[in-house]
Amino acid sequence: MPDALENRSFRIPEICWSGSGRAMCGGAILRRSVSVAILAWVLMVVTAAVPLIAGPPSSQLNGEGQPSPADEHLRGFIEGWLLFAHGLDAHQVEVTVRDGEVTLTGSVPGVELADRLIATVISFAGVARVVNRLDIIPPDPLPEAEGDSSKGPGRWQSWLEWAETPPGRKTVHFPSGHLFFPPLADQKQPRFHSTWQRYDSEHGYFNMASVGFGMDFGLLRRPARTEGDGVQLGISGAVFSIFNLDAPSADLINSDYVVGFPLSWREGKWSARLRVFHQSSHLGDEYLLYPQPGKTEKRINLSFEALELLVSREIRYLRFYGGGTGIFHSDTPLGRQQLQWGVDFRGSPIGWRTARVVAGLGFKSWEETDWDLDLNLKAGLRFRSPNSDAHSIELLLEYYDGHMPHGQFYDLTVDYFGVGIAYGF
C-alpha cells in the first residue's frame, strides 16, 4: 500500500508542473508525500511490534515442551492425509506431535476406521509412537418394538441376536484385516505368493516353483469395547502347487486344496484362532505320465478334515504363538495330532515410510512322521499401502528343513532355500 501511494505522488508532479499553478501544486505534493511517509512508518512499527508482544509462534520454538519444525511438518503431513484420504478435518480429528509422538484426539464413526488410522499413522516416517484418544461415535439406537418382552436378562441369545449388537457396539459386515494374523513361517496359511526354491533331497538337487492362491475373508466382526478387539467369523480358501522347473514343461507335481472357517478373537496383546478346515491333495498329470526323480509307486488319496487352534501373545515387535491341529476324519490312515509353535517379528518403518522388516521362525511336529521337527524360516521386507491396512507386498527369503510339506510326499525329507514375493489383499 505505501508503495502504491508513493508512486501516485510521483505521477502528480508531471501534471502540475505543466500547468500554471506550479508552486501551489508542488506544496500539495510535498504535504501528501510527508503524510504517506508517516503513515507507512506507523504501519511498519505496528507490524514489527505485534510479534514481539505476542511472542514467537509455537512452530518456531525448539525449547523444552515445544514442538520442533520437524514435528510441525509431520503434523501438517498427517492432517493433509486425514483430509485427503478420509475426509477428516481438524475439527473431527486433532493431531498433535511432540518428539515424534503423535496424539490423535477426536471422534470417528467406527472401530474399523480408528484401527486403520492408527495402523497407517504409525507407518509414517518420523513417527515413533501413536497415542490413541479417538472416541467411537455410536450408532443411533434402534427403537424397541412395543410389547416385546421375550428378551430377558437370563435368556441365551440366538446367533442372529448375537450378530445384532446393542447400541454403541456396531457389528461390522465383511470387515477388512485380521484379528489373528496368520504365522509368517507357515507353508499352509492362505496367502498369495510366488516363490523359487532350490531343493536338496536324497534324490539330488532340483529347481522348484511354489505358488499359492488364497486368503481369509471376514464375514462378520463383533467389536469389543476397546478398539481393535473383538470376535470375527470368516471363510478361507487356498491352493498350493509346486512345479519341477528342471522338467522340459515345468511339470506340475502336486496341488493341495484347503478350505476352512476361521473364528478369531483378540483382546489387547492376546489373540487366537479356531479353524475347522478340509484339505485334499492331487498329483499333477505330468507327474503321473512322465518319469520323475523320487517318484512314488502309487497315488495316495490324501484327504482329511481337521480342527486347528492357535494362540498368540504380542510383546513389542515380537509375537509368540503356539497350538495344534487334530485330524478328526481322513480317507487315509494318518497320525491324528500335530503341534505347531514359533515367533514372528515386525519392525518399525524404515527407508520408505511404507516399508518394514518382517521375519518368522516356525516349527511343526506331526505324529505321522514320528514327531520329527520341521523348521521354516522367512525374512524380508513388507511394503504396505499407506491408505489401507490390507494391501501389501512382501519380498522374502526363506529356508526350510524337514519333511516335504506337500501332499503325499510327507515321508520325504528335504531342505531348500528360496526367494519369493507374497501379496496381501
Protein backbone atom coordinates (compact mmCIF):
# COMPACT_ATOMS: atom_id res chain seq x y z
CA MET A 1 0.00 0.00 0.00
CA PRO A 2 2.73 2.57 0.80
CA ASP A 3 4.49 1.82 -2.49
CA ALA A 4 1.32 2.43 -4.43
CA LEU A 5 0.73 5.80 -2.72
CA GLU A 6 4.34 6.89 -3.26
CA ASN A 7 4.12 6.05 -6.96
CA ARG A 8 0.95 8.09 -7.15
CA SER A 9 2.70 11.15 -5.57
CA PHE A 10 5.45 10.94 -8.20
CA ARG A 11 2.97 10.91 -11.08
CA ILE A 12 1.10 14.02 -9.91
CA PRO A 13 4.04 16.49 -10.32
CA GLU A 14 4.26 15.70 -14.04
CA ILE A 15 0.73 17.06 -14.48
CA CYS A 16 1.11 20.02 -12.13
CA TRP A 17 4.45 21.23 -13.49
CA SER A 18 2.94 21.57 -16.97
CA GLY A 19 0.26 24.00 -15.76
CA SER A 20 0.24 27.49 -14.33
CA GLY A 21 -0.15 26.54 -10.66
CA ARG A 22 3.40 25.34 -10.25
CA ALA A 23 4.16 26.45 -6.65
CA MET A 24 0.78 25.58 -5.29
CA CYS A 25 0.71 22.12 -6.77
CA GLY A 26 4.21 21.40 -5.51
CA GLY A 27 3.19 22.26 -1.92
CA ALA A 28 0.25 19.90 -2.10
CA ILE A 29 2.52 17.19 -3.40
CA LEU A 30 5.00 17.74 -0.58
CA ARG A 31 2.31 17.60 2.11
CA ARG A 32 0.81 14.44 0.62
CA SER A 33 4.22 12.73 0.40
CA VAL A 34 5.01 13.57 4.03
CA SER A 35 1.62 12.19 5.14
CA VAL A 36 2.13 8.97 3.21
CA ALA A 37 5.63 8.53 4.65
CA ILE A 38 4.36 8.99 8.21
CA LEU A 39 1.53 6.50 7.62
CA ALA A 40 3.93 3.92 6.15
CA TRP A 41 6.31 4.37 9.11
CA VAL A 42 3.46 3.81 11.61
CA LEU A 43 2.35 0.64 9.81
CA MET A 44 5.88 -0.72 9.80
CA VAL A 45 6.30 -0.10 13.53
CA VAL A 46 2.97 -1.76 14.37
CA THR A 47 3.73 -4.74 12.14
CA ALA A 48 7.11 -5.26 13.78
CA ALA A 49 5.78 -4.78 17.31
CA VAL A 50 2.91 -7.30 17.17
CA PRO A 51 5.12 -10.43 17.03
CA LEU A 52 7.27 -9.05 19.86
CA ILE A 53 4.20 -8.55 22.03
CA ALA A 54 2.51 -11.86 21.14
CA GLY A 55 5.72 -13.91 21.20
CA PRO A 56 7.05 -16.23 18.51
CA PRO A 57 4.73 -18.92 17.11
CA SER A 58 4.94 -22.35 18.71
CA SER A 59 6.16 -23.91 15.47
CA GLN A 60 9.35 -21.85 15.74
CA LEU A 61 10.12 -22.78 19.33
CA ASN A 62 12.56 -25.55 19.94
CA GLY A 63 12.68 -25.30 23.72
CA GLU A 64 11.53 -27.88 26.18
CA GLY A 65 7.88 -28.85 25.79
CA GLN A 66 7.52 -27.12 22.42
CA PRO A 67 7.09 -28.79 19.01
CA SER A 68 10.04 -28.59 16.68
CA PRO A 69 9.82 -27.67 12.98
CA ALA A 70 10.08 -31.38 12.17
CA ASP A 71 7.11 -32.10 14.43
CA GLU A 72 5.10 -29.33 12.80
CA HIS A 73 5.94 -30.65 9.35
CA LEU A 74 4.85 -34.14 10.38
CA ARG A 75 1.64 -32.77 11.89
CA GLY A 76 0.80 -30.97 8.65
CA PHE A 77 1.50 -34.11 6.62
CA ILE A 78 -0.80 -36.23 8.81
CA GLU A 79 -3.56 -33.62 8.76
CA GLY A 80 -3.35 -33.46 4.97
CA TRP A 81 -3.52 -37.24 4.70
CA LEU A 82 -6.54 -37.41 7.02
CA LEU A 83 -8.38 -34.82 4.95
CA PHE A 84 -7.42 -36.24 1.56
CA ALA A 85 -7.80 -39.97 2.29
CA HIS A 86 -10.66 -39.98 4.80
CA GLY A 87 -12.33 -36.55 4.66
CA LEU A 88 -11.49 -35.83 8.32
CA ASP A 89 -10.61 -32.21 9.09
CA ALA A 90 -9.02 -30.72 12.21
CA HIS A 91 -12.42 -30.27 13.87
CA GLN A 92 -13.05 -34.02 13.71
CA VAL A 93 -9.55 -35.34 14.46
CA GLU A 94 -6.96 -33.11 16.13
CA VAL A 95 -3.33 -34.03 15.52
CA THR A 96 -0.54 -33.06 17.90
CA VAL A 97 3.09 -34.12 17.52
CA ARG A 98 5.89 -33.83 20.05
CA ASP A 99 9.28 -35.53 19.66
CA GLY A 100 7.81 -37.93 17.10
CA GLU A 101 4.92 -38.96 19.37
CA VAL A 102 1.62 -38.43 17.57
CA THR A 103 -1.60 -37.96 19.51
CA LEU A 104 -4.93 -38.32 17.72
CA THR A 105 -7.88 -36.76 19.53
CA GLY A 106 -11.46 -36.63 18.30
CA SER A 107 -14.34 -38.82 17.21
CA VAL A 108 -14.62 -41.21 14.28
CA PRO A 109 -17.58 -43.32 13.10
CA GLY A 110 -16.50 -46.87 13.77
CA VAL A 111 -13.81 -49.06 15.27
CA GLU A 112 -12.59 -50.16 11.84
CA LEU A 113 -11.75 -46.59 10.82
CA ALA A 114 -9.96 -45.93 14.10
CA ASP A 115 -7.85 -49.07 13.66
CA ARG A 116 -6.99 -48.06 10.09
CA LEU A 117 -5.92 -44.57 11.14
CA ILE A 118 -3.67 -45.84 13.93
CA ALA A 119 -2.09 -48.57 11.80
CA THR A 120 -1.33 -46.17 8.96
CA VAL A 121 -0.02 -43.24 11.02
CA ILE A 122 2.44 -45.48 12.88
CA SER A 123 3.93 -46.45 9.48
CA PHE A 124 4.82 -42.85 8.53
CA ALA A 125 8.48 -41.88 8.64
CA GLY A 126 9.35 -39.93 11.78
CA VAL A 127 6.53 -41.40 13.89
CA ALA A 128 7.88 -43.10 17.00
CA ARG A 129 4.60 -43.74 18.79
CA VAL A 130 0.88 -43.09 18.41
CA VAL A 131 -1.34 -42.16 21.35
CA ASN A 132 -4.95 -43.07 20.59
CA ARG A 133 -7.52 -40.71 22.10
CA LEU A 134 -10.17 -41.31 19.48
CA ASP A 135 -13.74 -41.82 20.59
CA ILE A 136 -16.07 -44.07 18.63
CA ILE A 137 -19.32 -42.46 17.55
CA PRO A 138 -22.04 -44.98 18.48
CA PRO A 139 -24.85 -45.72 16.01
CA ASP A 140 -28.32 -44.41 16.69
CA PRO A 141 -30.17 -46.86 18.97
CA LEU A 142 -32.95 -48.81 17.33
CA PRO A 143 -36.42 -48.37 18.88
CA GLU A 144 -37.69 -51.45 20.68
CA ALA A 145 -40.90 -52.96 19.46
CA GLU A 146 -43.86 -52.40 21.79
CA GLY A 147 -44.80 -55.37 23.86
CA ASP A 148 -41.58 -57.27 23.09
CA SER A 149 -40.73 -58.82 26.43
CA SER A 150 -39.15 -62.01 25.09
CA LYS A 151 -35.61 -60.84 25.79
CA GLY A 152 -34.78 -61.41 29.39
CA PRO A 153 -31.51 -60.93 31.22
CA GLY A 154 -31.03 -64.66 31.75
CA ARG A 155 -32.07 -65.93 28.29
CA TRP A 156 -29.49 -67.26 25.85
CA GLN A 157 -29.09 -65.11 22.73
CA SER A 158 -29.68 -66.67 19.36
CA TRP A 159 -26.98 -66.39 16.68
CA LEU A 160 -28.84 -63.54 14.95
CA GLU A 161 -29.31 -61.69 18.23
CA TRP A 162 -25.60 -62.09 18.90
CA ALA A 163 -24.89 -60.56 15.47
CA GLU A 164 -27.21 -57.62 16.13
CA THR A 165 -25.14 -55.90 18.80
CA PRO A 166 -26.64 -53.46 21.30
CA PRO A 167 -26.41 -49.67 20.76
CA GLY A 168 -22.85 -48.39 20.93
CA ARG A 169 -21.31 -51.61 19.59
CA LYS A 170 -21.66 -51.89 15.85
CA THR A 171 -21.39 -55.21 14.05
CA VAL A 172 -19.13 -54.96 11.01
CA HIS A 173 -20.15 -56.98 7.97
CA PHE A 174 -17.34 -58.13 5.65
CA PRO A 175 -14.58 -56.47 7.73
CA SER A 176 -11.07 -55.91 6.40
CA GLY A 177 -7.91 -57.04 8.11
CA HIS A 178 -7.35 -59.73 10.74
CA LEU A 179 -7.87 -60.12 14.45
CA PHE A 180 -5.43 -63.03 14.40
CA PHE A 181 -2.56 -62.61 11.96
CA PRO A 182 -1.51 -65.84 10.19
CA PRO A 183 2.00 -67.00 11.09
CA LEU A 184 4.53 -65.85 8.52
CA ALA A 185 6.60 -69.05 8.56
CA ASP A 186 3.76 -71.47 7.85
CA GLN A 187 3.54 -73.12 4.43
CA LYS A 188 -0.22 -73.76 4.59
CA GLN A 189 -1.57 -70.37 5.65
CA PRO A 190 -3.91 -68.90 2.99
CA ARG A 191 -1.97 -66.26 1.03
CA PHE A 192 -0.92 -65.29 -2.47
CA HIS A 193 2.74 -65.93 -3.24
CA SER A 194 5.20 -66.92 -5.97
CA THR A 195 8.48 -68.49 -4.85
CA TRP A 196 11.53 -70.06 -6.47
CA GLN A 197 13.05 -72.83 -4.36
CA ARG A 198 16.27 -74.82 -4.62
CA TYR A 199 15.64 -78.33 -3.25
CA ASP A 200 18.25 -80.60 -1.72
CA SER A 201 16.86 -84.09 -1.24
CA GLU A 202 18.02 -87.68 -1.21
CA HIS A 203 17.36 -87.75 -4.98
CA GLY A 204 19.57 -84.74 -5.77
CA TYR A 205 19.17 -81.01 -6.33
CA PHE A 206 16.14 -79.54 -8.08
CA ASN A 207 14.76 -76.14 -9.01
CA MET A 208 11.14 -75.84 -7.95
CA ALA A 209 8.43 -73.21 -8.23
CA SER A 210 5.95 -72.90 -5.37
CA VAL A 211 2.80 -70.82 -5.81
CA GLY A 212 -0.15 -70.16 -3.55
CA PHE A 213 -3.52 -68.57 -4.12
CA GLY A 214 -5.71 -67.92 -1.11
CA MET A 215 -6.90 -65.57 1.59
CA ASP A 216 -9.01 -65.21 4.71
CA PHE A 217 -12.26 -63.36 4.05
CA GLY A 218 -14.04 -61.82 7.02
CA LEU A 219 -17.79 -62.32 7.11
CA LEU A 220 -18.80 -60.77 10.40
CA ARG A 221 -16.97 -58.98 13.19
CA ARG A 222 -18.34 -58.11 16.61
CA PRO A 223 -16.08 -55.36 18.01
CA ALA A 224 -15.33 -55.18 21.71
CA ARG A 225 -15.42 -52.01 23.78
CA THR A 226 -11.72 -51.41 23.12
CA GLU A 227 -10.84 -50.59 19.55
CA GLY A 228 -9.07 -53.41 17.74
CA ASP A 229 -10.55 -56.11 19.99
CA GLY A 230 -13.44 -58.40 19.21
CA VAL A 231 -14.53 -61.66 17.61
CA GLN A 232 -14.62 -62.37 13.88
CA LEU A 233 -16.09 -65.16 11.78
CA GLY A 234 -14.73 -65.74 8.30
CA ILE A 235 -14.14 -68.16 5.46
CA SER A 236 -10.79 -69.11 3.96
CA GLY A 237 -9.66 -70.94 0.87
CA ALA A 238 -6.31 -71.66 -0.77
CA VAL A 239 -4.49 -73.71 -3.40
CA PHE A 240 -0.79 -74.57 -3.01
CA SER A 241 1.06 -76.02 -6.02
CA ILE A 242 4.65 -76.97 -6.78
CA PHE A 243 6.29 -77.34 -10.23
CA ASN A 244 9.50 -79.04 -11.33
CA LEU A 245 11.38 -76.30 -13.22
CA ASP A 246 14.03 -78.74 -14.37
CA ALA A 247 11.45 -80.65 -16.46
CA PRO A 248 11.01 -79.59 -20.11
CA SER A 249 7.47 -78.31 -19.47
CA ALA A 250 7.84 -77.30 -15.79
CA ASP A 251 5.75 -80.30 -14.72
CA LEU A 252 3.08 -79.85 -12.08
CA ILE A 253 3.99 -82.14 -9.19
CA ASN A 254 1.25 -81.61 -6.61
CA SER A 255 -1.59 -79.30 -5.59
CA ASP A 256 -3.13 -79.01 -2.12
CA TYR A 257 -6.62 -77.56 -1.77
CA VAL A 258 -7.66 -76.10 1.58
CA VAL A 259 -10.97 -74.56 2.62
CA GLY A 260 -11.93 -73.60 6.16
CA PHE A 261 -13.97 -71.46 8.52
CA PRO A 262 -11.81 -69.48 10.98
CA LEU A 263 -13.21 -67.98 14.17
CA SER A 264 -10.71 -65.43 15.50
CA TRP A 265 -10.55 -63.42 18.71
CA ARG A 266 -8.42 -60.57 20.05
CA GLU A 267 -8.17 -58.80 23.39
CA GLY A 268 -5.24 -56.46 23.82
CA LYS A 269 -1.98 -58.28 23.14
CA TRP A 270 -3.65 -61.69 23.11
CA SER A 271 -5.27 -63.25 20.05
CA ALA A 272 -6.42 -66.68 18.96
CA ARG A 273 -7.93 -68.53 16.03
CA LEU A 274 -10.06 -71.66 15.93
CA ARG A 275 -10.36 -73.08 12.42
CA VAL A 276 -12.11 -76.14 11.05
CA PHE A 277 -10.79 -76.97 7.58
CA HIS A 278 -10.65 -79.55 4.82
CA GLN A 279 -7.54 -80.44 2.82
CA SER A 280 -7.25 -82.64 -0.25
CA SER A 281 -4.12 -83.26 -2.32
CA HIS A 282 -3.87 -84.09 -6.01
CA LEU A 283 -0.86 -85.16 -8.07
CA GLY A 284 -0.17 -83.37 -11.33
CA ASP A 285 -0.86 -85.06 -14.66
CA GLU A 286 2.75 -84.66 -15.81
CA TYR A 287 3.99 -86.31 -12.63
CA LEU A 288 1.81 -89.34 -13.28
CA LEU A 289 2.61 -89.59 -17.01
CA TYR A 290 6.36 -88.94 -17.14
CA PRO A 291 9.36 -90.25 -15.18
CA GLN A 292 10.16 -88.12 -12.14
CA PRO A 293 13.01 -88.27 -9.64
CA GLY A 294 11.91 -89.98 -6.46
CA LYS A 295 8.56 -90.95 -7.93
CA THR A 296 6.37 -92.92 -5.53
CA GLU A 297 4.93 -96.23 -6.63
CA LYS A 298 1.27 -95.41 -6.10
CA ARG A 299 -1.02 -92.49 -5.53
CA ILE A 300 -2.36 -91.84 -2.03
CA ASN A 301 -5.80 -90.31 -1.62
CA LEU A 302 -4.72 -87.72 0.93
CA SER A 303 -7.91 -86.03 2.07
CA PHE A 304 -8.87 -85.10 5.63
CA GLU A 305 -10.80 -82.72 7.89
CA ALA A 306 -9.15 -81.17 10.92
CA LEU A 307 -9.60 -78.69 13.74
CA GLU A 308 -6.81 -76.17 14.41
CA LEU A 309 -6.28 -73.90 17.42
CA LEU A 310 -3.54 -71.26 17.61
CA VAL A 311 -2.97 -68.73 20.41
CA SER A 312 -0.56 -65.78 20.24
CA ARG A 313 0.87 -63.13 22.53
CA GLU A 314 2.45 -59.89 21.29
CA ILE A 315 5.42 -58.35 23.09
CA ARG A 316 6.61 -55.14 21.40
CA TYR A 317 7.99 -56.14 18.00
CA LEU A 318 7.63 -59.89 18.62
CA ARG A 319 4.66 -62.22 18.53
CA PHE A 320 4.87 -65.69 20.04
CA TYR A 321 2.33 -68.30 19.01
CA GLY A 322 1.59 -71.94 19.58
CA GLY A 323 -1.10 -74.53 19.24
CA GLY A 324 -2.02 -77.71 17.49
CA THR A 325 -4.15 -79.47 14.90
CA GLY A 326 -6.28 -82.58 15.32
CA ILE A 327 -7.46 -84.63 12.34
CA PHE A 328 -10.95 -85.97 13.06
CA HIS A 329 -11.65 -87.59 9.67
CA SER A 330 -9.36 -88.94 6.96
CA ASP A 331 -9.70 -91.14 3.88
CA THR A 332 -6.18 -92.43 4.50
CA PRO A 333 -4.85 -93.67 7.87
CA LEU A 334 -2.81 -90.77 9.27
CA GLY A 335 -1.41 -89.66 12.58
CA ARG A 336 -4.09 -87.51 14.18
CA GLN A 337 -2.11 -84.92 16.13
CA GLN A 338 0.22 -82.11 15.10
CA LEU A 339 1.93 -79.43 17.22
CA GLN A 340 2.99 -76.01 15.98
CA TRP A 341 4.80 -73.06 17.54
CA GLY A 342 7.01 -70.14 16.55
CA VAL A 343 7.70 -66.41 16.67
CA ASP A 344 7.11 -63.53 14.24
CA PHE A 345 8.94 -60.20 14.09
CA ARG A 346 7.63 -56.93 12.65
CA GLY A 347 10.00 -53.97 12.76
CA SER A 348 9.43 -50.24 12.62
CA PRO A 349 9.15 -48.49 9.24
CA ILE A 350 12.50 -47.97 7.53
CA GLY A 351 13.65 -46.05 4.45
CA TRP A 352 10.36 -45.52 2.74
CA ARG A 353 7.56 -44.81 5.15
CA THR A 354 5.65 -47.91 3.97
CA ALA A 355 8.50 -50.46 4.32
CA ARG A 356 9.35 -52.54 7.37
CA VAL A 357 11.44 -55.61 8.15
CA VAL A 358 9.48 -58.80 8.83
CA ALA A 359 10.66 -62.26 9.85
CA GLY A 360 9.21 -65.51 11.08
CA LEU A 361 10.54 -68.72 12.58
CA GLY A 362 8.13 -71.66 12.75
CA PHE A 363 8.26 -75.27 13.93
CA LYS A 364 5.92 -78.19 13.31
CA SER A 365 5.90 -81.72 14.65
CA TRP A 366 3.47 -84.37 13.38
CA GLU A 367 2.56 -87.74 14.84
CA GLU A 368 2.61 -89.31 11.36
CA THR A 369 6.33 -88.51 10.94
CA ASP A 370 7.26 -89.75 14.45
CA TRP A 371 7.23 -86.20 15.84
CA ASP A 372 10.27 -85.16 13.78
CA LEU A 373 10.87 -81.41 13.91
CA ASP A 374 10.24 -79.37 10.75
CA LEU A 375 11.76 -75.88 10.63
CA ASN A 376 10.77 -72.96 8.42
CA LEU A 377 12.46 -69.52 8.43
CA LYS A 378 11.37 -66.47 6.44
CA ALA A 379 12.66 -62.89 6.45
CA GLY A 380 12.41 -59.86 4.22
CA LEU A 381 10.69 -56.53 3.60
CA ARG A 382 6.99 -55.73 3.61
CA PHE A 383 5.69 -52.77 1.60
CA ARG A 384 2.21 -51.64 2.54
CA SER A 385 -0.16 -49.09 1.05
CA PRO A 386 -0.47 -46.00 3.33
CA ASN A 387 -4.20 -45.78 2.52
CA SER A 388 -5.14 -49.29 3.56
CA ASP A 389 -4.12 -51.78 6.25
CA ALA A 390 -4.72 -54.76 4.00
CA HIS A 391 -2.78 -54.31 0.74
CA SER A 392 0.91 -55.20 0.88
CA ILE A 393 3.79 -56.81 -1.00
CA GLU A 394 6.47 -58.88 0.73
CA LEU A 395 9.92 -59.68 -0.66
CA LEU A 396 11.06 -62.74 1.28
CA LEU A 397 14.00 -65.10 1.66
CA GLU A 398 13.20 -68.49 3.12
CA TYR A 399 14.82 -71.66 4.38
CA TYR A 400 13.15 -74.99 5.17
CA ASP A 401 14.46 -78.20 6.74
CA GLY A 402 12.15 -81.11 7.41
CA HIS A 403 9.52 -83.31 5.83
CA MET A 404 8.22 -82.12 2.48
CA PRO A 405 5.07 -80.07 3.25
CA HIS A 406 3.18 -81.02 0.07
CA GLY A 407 0.57 -83.74 -0.31
CA GLN A 408 1.59 -87.38 -0.13
CA PHE A 409 5.31 -86.54 -0.10
CA TYR A 410 5.36 -86.03 3.67
CA ASP A 411 7.64 -89.08 4.05
CA LEU A 412 10.44 -87.36 2.07
CA THR A 413 12.90 -85.15 3.95
CA VAL A 414 14.21 -82.09 2.14
CA ASP A 415 15.88 -78.80 2.82
CA TYR A 416 15.69 -75.84 0.50
CA PHE A 417 16.21 -72.10 0.28
CA GLY A 418 14.11 -69.79 -1.80
CA VAL A 419 13.26 -66.27 -2.90
CA GLY A 420 9.69 -65.16 -3.30
CA ILE A 421 7.03 -62.48 -3.41
CA ALA A 422 3.85 -62.55 -1.33
CA TYR A 423 0.82 -60.37 -1.97
CA GLY A 424 -1.69 -59.19 0.63
CA PHE A 425 -5.21 -58.01 -0.23
